[in-house]
PDB file of N, CA and C in Angstrom:
ATOM      1  N   UNK A   1      11.664 -67.097  90.574  1.00  0.00           N
ATOM      2  CA  UNK A   1      12.520 -68.267  90.330  1.00  0.00           C
ATOM      3  C   UNK A   1      13.534 -68.544  91.654  1.00  0.00           C
ATOM      4  N   UNK A   2      13.487 -69.514  91.713  1.00  0.00           N
ATOM      5  CA  UNK A   2      14.987 -69.581  92.340  1.00  0.00           C
ATOM      6  C   UNK A   2      16.051 -70.541  91.484  1.00  0.00           C
ATOM      7  N   UNK A   3      16.817 -70.083  91.685  1.00  0.00           N
ATOM      8  CA  UNK A   3      18.336 -70.466  90.940  1.00  0.00           C
ATOM      9  C   UNK A   3      18.138 -71.875  90.163  1.00  0.00           C
ATOM     10  N   UNK A   4      17.689 -72.628  90.871  1.00  0.00           N
ATOM     11  CA  UNK A   4      17.175 -74.279  90.091  1.00  0.00           C
ATOM     12  C   UNK A   4      16.195 -74.297  89.202  1.00  0.00           C
ATOM     13  N   UNK A   5      15.751 -72.780  88.877  1.00  0.00           N
ATOM     14  CA  UNK A   5      14.775 -72.798  87.866  1.00  0.00           C
ATOM     15  C   UNK A   5      13.282 -73.199  88.329  1.00  0.00           C
ATOM     16  N   UNK A   6      13.034 -73.445  89.718  1.00  0.00           N
ATOM     17  CA  UNK A   6      11.431 -73.555  89.705  1.00  0.00           C
ATOM     18  C   UNK A   6      10.960 -72.620  90.434  1.00  0.00           C
ATOM     19  N   UNK A   7       9.814 -72.962  90.634  1.00  0.00           N
ATOM     20  CA  UNK A   7       9.049 -71.780  91.068  1.00  0.00           C
ATOM     21  C   UNK A   7       8.251 -71.447  92.720  1.00  0.00           C
ATOM     22  N   UNK A   8       8.976 -70.442  93.341  1.00  0.00           N
ATOM     23  CA  UNK A   8       8.423 -70.455  94.736  1.00  0.00           C
ATOM     24  C   UNK A   8       7.415 -70.820  94.790  1.00  0.00           C
ATOM     25  N   UNK A   9       7.088 -71.301  95.717  1.00  0.00           N
ATOM     26  CA  UNK A   9       5.284 -71.413  96.337  1.00  0.00           C
ATOM     27  C   UNK A   9       4.853 -70.545  96.564  1.00  0.00           C
ATOM     28  N   UNK A  10       5.399 -69.375  97.274  1.00  0.00           N
ATOM     29  CA  UNK A  10       4.928 -68.031  97.041  1.00  0.00           C
ATOM     30  C   UNK A  10       4.744 -66.687  95.804  1.00  0.00           C
ATOM     31  N   UNK A  11       5.381 -67.319  94.450  1.00  0.00           N
ATOM     32  CA  UNK A  11       5.377 -66.418  93.575  1.00  0.00           C
ATOM     33  C   UNK A  11       3.787 -66.711  92.871  1.00  0.00           C
ATOM     34  N   UNK A  12       3.451 -65.610  92.023  1.00  0.00           N
ATOM     35  CA  UNK A  12       2.422 -65.642  91.367  1.00  0.00           C
ATOM     36  C   UNK A  12       2.099 -66.118  90.435  1.00  0.00           C
ATOM     37  N   UNK A  13       1.129 -66.701  89.603  1.00  0.00           N
ATOM     38  CA  UNK A  13       1.207 -67.643  88.695  1.00  0.00           C
ATOM     39  C   UNK A  13       0.152 -66.951  87.814  1.00  0.00           C
ATOM     40  N   UNK A  14       0.560 -66.521  86.384  1.00  0.00           N
ATOM     41  CA  UNK A  14      -0.145 -66.128  85.364  1.00  0.00           C
ATOM     42  C   UNK A  14      -1.159 -67.036  84.689  1.00  0.00           C
ATOM     43  N   UNK A  15      -2.436 -67.043  84.457  1.00  0.00           N
ATOM     44  CA  UNK A  15      -3.119 -67.980  83.299  1.00  0.00           C
ATOM     45  C   UNK A  15      -3.847 -67.392  82.775  1.00  0.00           C
ATOM     46  N   UNK A  16      -3.562 -67.828  81.339  1.00  0.00           N
ATOM     47  CA  UNK A  16      -4.360 -66.981  80.133  1.00  0.00           C
ATOM     48  C   UNK A  16      -5.560 -68.080  79.695  1.00  0.00           C
ATOM     49  N   UNK A  17      -6.791 -67.789  79.685  1.00  0.00           N
ATOM     50  CA  UNK A  17      -7.780 -68.015  79.026  1.00  0.00           C
ATOM     51  C   UNK A  17      -8.308 -67.618  77.865  1.00  0.00           C
ATOM     52  N   UNK A  18      -8.322 -68.415  76.619  1.00  0.00           N
ATOM     53  CA  UNK A  18      -8.923 -67.567  75.300  1.00  0.00           C
ATOM     54  C   UNK A  18     -10.126 -68.314  74.876  1.00  0.00           C
ATOM     55  N   UNK A  19     -10.755 -67.707  74.459  1.00  0.00           N
ATOM     56  CA  UNK A  19     -12.233 -68.146  73.756  1.00  0.00           C
ATOM     57  C   UNK A  19     -13.281 -68.154  75.010  1.00  0.00           C
ATOM     58  N   UNK A  20     -14.811 -68.257  74.380  1.00  0.00           N
ATOM     59  CA  UNK A  20     -15.724 -68.376  75.171  1.00  0.00           C
ATOM     60  C   UNK A  20     -15.402 -69.781  76.523  1.00  0.00           C
ATOM     61  N   UNK A  21     -16.282 -69.692  77.365  1.00  0.00           N
ATOM     62  CA  UNK A  21     -15.796 -70.711  78.655  1.00  0.00           C
ATOM     63  C   UNK A  21     -17.000 -70.729  79.508  1.00  0.00           C
ATOM     64  N   UNK A  22     -17.718 -71.989  79.264  1.00  0.00           N
ATOM     65  CA  UNK A  22     -18.859 -72.416  80.245  1.00  0.00           C
ATOM     66  C   UNK A  22     -18.043 -72.178  82.005  1.00  0.00           C
ATOM     67  N   UNK A  23     -16.771 -72.209  82.283  1.00  0.00           N
ATOM     68  CA  UNK A  23     -16.323 -72.285  83.797  1.00  0.00           C
ATOM     69  C   UNK A  23     -16.052 -70.963  83.575  1.00  0.00           C
ATOM     70  N   UNK A  24     -16.159 -70.713  85.234  1.00  0.00           N
ATOM     71  CA  UNK A  24     -15.263 -69.552  86.094  1.00  0.00           C
ATOM     72  C   UNK A  24     -13.786 -69.881  85.775  1.00  0.00           C
ATOM     73  N   UNK A  25     -12.802 -69.160  84.987  1.00  0.00           N
ATOM     74  CA  UNK A  25     -11.459 -69.707  84.896  1.00  0.00           C
ATOM     75  C   UNK A  25     -11.168 -69.240  85.984  1.00  0.00           C
ATOM     76  N   UNK A  26     -10.732 -67.834  86.715  1.00  0.00           N
ATOM     77  CA  UNK A  26     -10.532 -67.864  88.224  1.00  0.00           C
ATOM     78  C   UNK A  26     -11.069 -69.092  89.264  1.00  0.00           C
ATOM     79  N   UNK A  27     -12.029 -69.198  89.156  1.00  0.00           N
ATOM     80  CA  UNK A  27     -12.156 -70.385  90.192  1.00  0.00           C
ATOM     81  C   UNK A  27     -11.839 -71.655  90.175  1.00  0.00           C
ATOM     82  N   UNK A  28     -11.950 -71.815  88.835  1.00  0.00           N
ATOM     83  CA  UNK A  28     -11.036 -73.282  88.394  1.00  0.00           C
ATOM     84  C   UNK A  28      -9.285 -73.078  88.792  1.00  0.00           C
ATOM     85  N   UNK A  29      -8.851 -72.091  88.623  1.00  0.00           N
ATOM     86  CA  UNK A  29      -7.350 -72.440  88.756  1.00  0.00           C
ATOM     87  C   UNK A  29      -7.286 -72.018  90.619  1.00  0.00           C
ATOM     88  N   UNK A  30      -8.056 -71.435  91.010  1.00  0.00           N
ATOM     89  CA  UNK A  30      -7.840 -71.156  92.604  1.00  0.00           C
ATOM     90  C   UNK A  30      -8.109 -72.375  93.154  1.00  0.00           C
ATOM     91  N   UNK A  31      -9.101 -73.246  92.476  1.00  0.00           N
ATOM     92  CA  UNK A  31      -9.393 -74.298  93.288  1.00  0.00           C
ATOM     93  C   UNK A  31      -8.165 -75.151  93.210  1.00  0.00           C
ATOM     94  N   UNK A  32      -7.594 -75.299  92.102  1.00  0.00           N
ATOM     95  CA  UNK A  32      -6.382 -76.378  92.012  1.00  0.00           C
ATOM     96  C   UNK A  32      -5.178 -75.939  92.056  1.00  0.00           C
ATOM     97  N   UNK A  33      -4.700 -74.234  92.681  1.00  0.00           N
ATOM     98  CA  UNK A  33      -3.541 -74.129  92.666  1.00  0.00           C
ATOM     99  C   UNK A  33      -3.485 -73.627  94.658  1.00  0.00           C
ATOM    100  N   UNK A  34      -2.324 -73.814  95.561  1.00  0.00           N
ATOM    101  CA  UNK A  34      -1.685 -73.590  96.825  1.00  0.00           C
ATOM    102  C   UNK A  34      -1.199 -72.110  96.462  1.00  0.00           C
ATOM    103  N   UNK A  35      -0.964 -71.477  95.177  1.00  0.00           N
ATOM    104  CA  UNK A  35      -0.242 -70.238  95.090  1.00  0.00           C
ATOM    105  C   UNK A  35      -1.028 -69.198  94.494  1.00  0.00           C
ATOM    106  N   UNK A  36      -0.834 -67.836  94.493  1.00  0.00           N
ATOM    107  CA  UNK A  36      -1.860 -66.328  94.282  1.00  0.00           C
ATOM    108  C   UNK A  36      -1.410 -66.472  92.392  1.00  0.00           C
ATOM    109  N   UNK A  37      -2.870 -66.768  92.088  1.00  0.00           N
ATOM    110  CA  UNK A  37      -2.854 -66.619  90.682  1.00  0.00           C
ATOM    111  C   UNK A  37      -3.791 -65.508  90.219  1.00  0.00           C
ATOM    112  N   UNK A  38      -3.415 -65.094  88.985  1.00  0.00           N
ATOM    113  CA  UNK A  38      -3.677 -63.522  88.002  1.00  0.00           C
ATOM    114  C   UNK A  38      -3.952 -64.631  87.190  1.00  0.00           C
ATOM    115  N   UNK A  39      -5.751 -64.286  86.520  1.00  0.00           N
ATOM    116  CA  UNK A  39      -6.051 -64.640  85.763  1.00  0.00           C
ATOM    117  C   UNK A  39      -6.434 -63.817  84.656  1.00  0.00           C
ATOM    118  N   UNK A  40      -5.863 -63.788  83.117  1.00  0.00           N
ATOM    119  CA  UNK A  40      -6.474 -62.703  82.171  1.00  0.00           C
ATOM    120  C   UNK A  40      -7.157 -64.115  81.256  1.00  0.00           C
ATOM    121  N   UNK A  41      -8.247 -63.768  80.774  1.00  0.00           N
ATOM    122  CA  UNK A  41      -9.421 -63.689  79.923  1.00  0.00           C
ATOM    123  C   UNK A  41      -9.250 -63.213  78.700  1.00  0.00           C
ATOM    124  N   UNK A  42      -9.197 -63.538  77.235  1.00  0.00           N
ATOM    125  CA  UNK A  42      -9.235 -63.019  76.084  1.00  0.00           C
ATOM    126  C   UNK A  42     -10.552 -63.301  75.229  1.00  0.00           C
ATOM    127  N   UNK A  43     -10.732 -63.255  74.273  1.00  0.00           N
ATOM    128  CA  UNK A  43     -12.087 -63.622  73.592  1.00  0.00           C
ATOM    129  C   UNK A  43     -11.594 -64.669  72.476  1.00  0.00           C
ATOM    130  N   UNK A  44     -10.477 -64.777  72.063  1.00  0.00           N
ATOM    131  CA  UNK A  44      -9.384 -65.391  70.781  1.00  0.00           C
ATOM    132  C   UNK A  44      -8.417 -65.419  70.806  1.00  0.00           C
ATOM    133  N   UNK A  45      -8.065 -66.245  69.976  1.00  0.00           N
ATOM    134  CA  UNK A  45      -6.091 -66.601  69.752  1.00  0.00           C
ATOM    135  C   UNK A  45      -5.578 -65.548  69.310  1.00  0.00           C
ATOM    136  N   UNK A  46      -6.382 -64.141  68.371  1.00  0.00           N
ATOM    137  CA  UNK A  46      -5.624 -62.998  68.235  1.00  0.00           C
ATOM    138  C   UNK A  46      -5.083 -62.198  69.103  1.00  0.00           C
ATOM    139  N   UNK A  47      -6.425 -62.357  70.317  1.00  0.00           N
ATOM    140  CA  UNK A  47      -6.192 -61.429  71.346  1.00  0.00           C
ATOM    141  C   UNK A  47      -5.304 -61.982  72.495  1.00  0.00           C
ATOM    142  N   UNK A  48      -4.745 -63.104  72.228  1.00  0.00           N
ATOM    143  CA  UNK A  48      -4.088 -64.044  72.679  1.00  0.00           C
ATOM    144  C   UNK A  48      -2.707 -63.854  72.701  1.00  0.00           C
ATOM    145  N   UNK A  49      -2.256 -63.840  71.327  1.00  0.00           N
ATOM    146  CA  UNK A  49      -1.338 -63.397  70.628  1.00  0.00           C
ATOM    147  C   UNK A  49      -0.673 -61.959  71.256  1.00  0.00           C
ATOM    148  N   UNK A  50      -1.548 -61.282  70.915  1.00  0.00           N
ATOM    149  CA  UNK A  50      -1.510 -59.657  71.472  1.00  0.00           C
ATOM    150  C   UNK A  50      -0.899 -59.624  72.987  1.00  0.00           C
ATOM    151  N   UNK A  51      -1.698 -60.489  73.558  1.00  0.00           N
ATOM    152  CA  UNK A  51      -1.616 -60.717  75.264  1.00  0.00           C
ATOM    153  C   UNK A  51       0.315 -61.109  75.373  1.00  0.00           C
ATOM    154  N   UNK A  52       0.356 -62.211  74.573  1.00  0.00           N
ATOM    155  CA  UNK A  52       1.631 -62.566  74.825  1.00  0.00           C
ATOM    156  C   UNK A  52       2.979 -61.457  74.129  1.00  0.00           C
ATOM    157  N   UNK A  53       2.668 -60.454  73.443  1.00  0.00           N
ATOM    158  CA  UNK A  53       3.538 -59.811  72.888  1.00  0.00           C
ATOM    159  C   UNK A  53       4.158 -58.668  73.868  1.00  0.00           C
ATOM    160  N   UNK A  54       2.467 -58.361  74.713  1.00  0.00           N
ATOM    161  CA  UNK A  54       2.669 -57.718  75.442  1.00  0.00           C
ATOM    162  C   UNK A  54       3.044 -57.683  77.038  1.00  0.00           C
ATOM    163  N   UNK A  55       2.892 -59.122  77.406  1.00  0.00           N
ATOM    164  CA  UNK A  55       3.808 -59.448  78.615  1.00  0.00           C
ATOM    165  C   UNK A  55       5.007 -60.128  78.576  1.00  0.00           C
ATOM    166  N   UNK A  56       5.496 -60.784  77.196  1.00  0.00           N
ATOM    167  CA  UNK A  56       6.332 -61.331  76.832  1.00  0.00           C
ATOM    168  C   UNK A  56       8.042 -60.443  77.314  1.00  0.00           C
ATOM    169  N   UNK A  57       9.028 -61.017  77.762  1.00  0.00           N
ATOM    170  CA  UNK A  57      10.523 -59.995  78.020  1.00  0.00           C
ATOM    171  C   UNK A  57      11.299 -60.603  76.949  1.00  0.00           C
ATOM    172  N   UNK A  58      11.520 -59.754  76.215  1.00  0.00           N
ATOM    173  CA  UNK A  58      12.877 -60.030  75.097  1.00  0.00           C
ATOM    174  C   UNK A  58      14.182 -60.815  75.721  1.00  0.00           C
ATOM    175  N   UNK A  59      14.372 -61.814  74.837  1.00  0.00           N
ATOM    176  CA  UNK A  59      14.991 -62.990  75.385  1.00  0.00           C
ATOM    177  C   UNK A  59      16.706 -62.188  75.433  1.00  0.00           C
ATOM    178  N   UNK A  60      17.146 -62.635  76.375  1.00  0.00           N
ATOM    179  CA  UNK A  60      18.809 -62.279  76.862  1.00  0.00           C
ATOM    180  C   UNK A  60      19.569 -62.138  75.457  1.00  0.00           C
ATOM    181  N   UNK A  61      20.417 -61.731  74.938  1.00  0.00           N
ATOM    182  CA  UNK A  61      21.469 -61.722  73.940  1.00  0.00           C
ATOM    183  C   UNK A  61      22.400 -62.793  74.085  1.00  0.00           C
ATOM    184  N   UNK A  62      22.077 -63.477  73.078  1.00  0.00           N
ATOM    185  CA  UNK A  62      23.298 -65.032  73.240  1.00  0.00           C
ATOM    186  C   UNK A  62      24.370 -64.850  72.264  1.00  0.00           C
ATOM    187  N   UNK A  63      24.820 -63.688  72.424  1.00  0.00           N
ATOM    188  CA  UNK A  63      26.057 -63.716  71.436  1.00  0.00           C
ATOM    189  C   UNK A  63      27.057 -64.571  71.954  1.00  0.00           C
ATOM    190  N   UNK A  64      27.680 -65.212  70.990  1.00  0.00           N
ATOM    191  CA  UNK A  64      28.595 -66.228  71.008  1.00  0.00           C
ATOM    192  C   UNK A  64      30.092 -65.774  71.621  1.00  0.00           C
ATOM    193  N   UNK A  65      30.295 -65.934  73.120  1.00  0.00           N
ATOM    194  CA  UNK A  65      31.719 -66.099  73.501  1.00  0.00           C
ATOM    195  C   UNK A  65      32.665 -65.747  72.430  1.00  0.00           C
ATOM    196  N   UNK A  66      33.523 -64.409  72.853  1.00  0.00           N
ATOM    197  CA  UNK A  66      34.935 -64.289  72.003  1.00  0.00           C
ATOM    198  C   UNK A  66      35.815 -64.586  72.736  1.00  0.00           C
TER     199      UNK A  66
END
């Protein structure tokens, strides 16, 4: 990310699809994005929560200033 919080156009986007789909998620995302895309597919909401736990970064320590 840039310092302003915007994503650079060269950064990879990660998309998560949960549940059965009649479309090809990777093809759908690639068709609508001009950035590199990583697509992860899980079969249900429980697996989606597990995925988020695995990829999430811990929040920075937000201790009050002294």
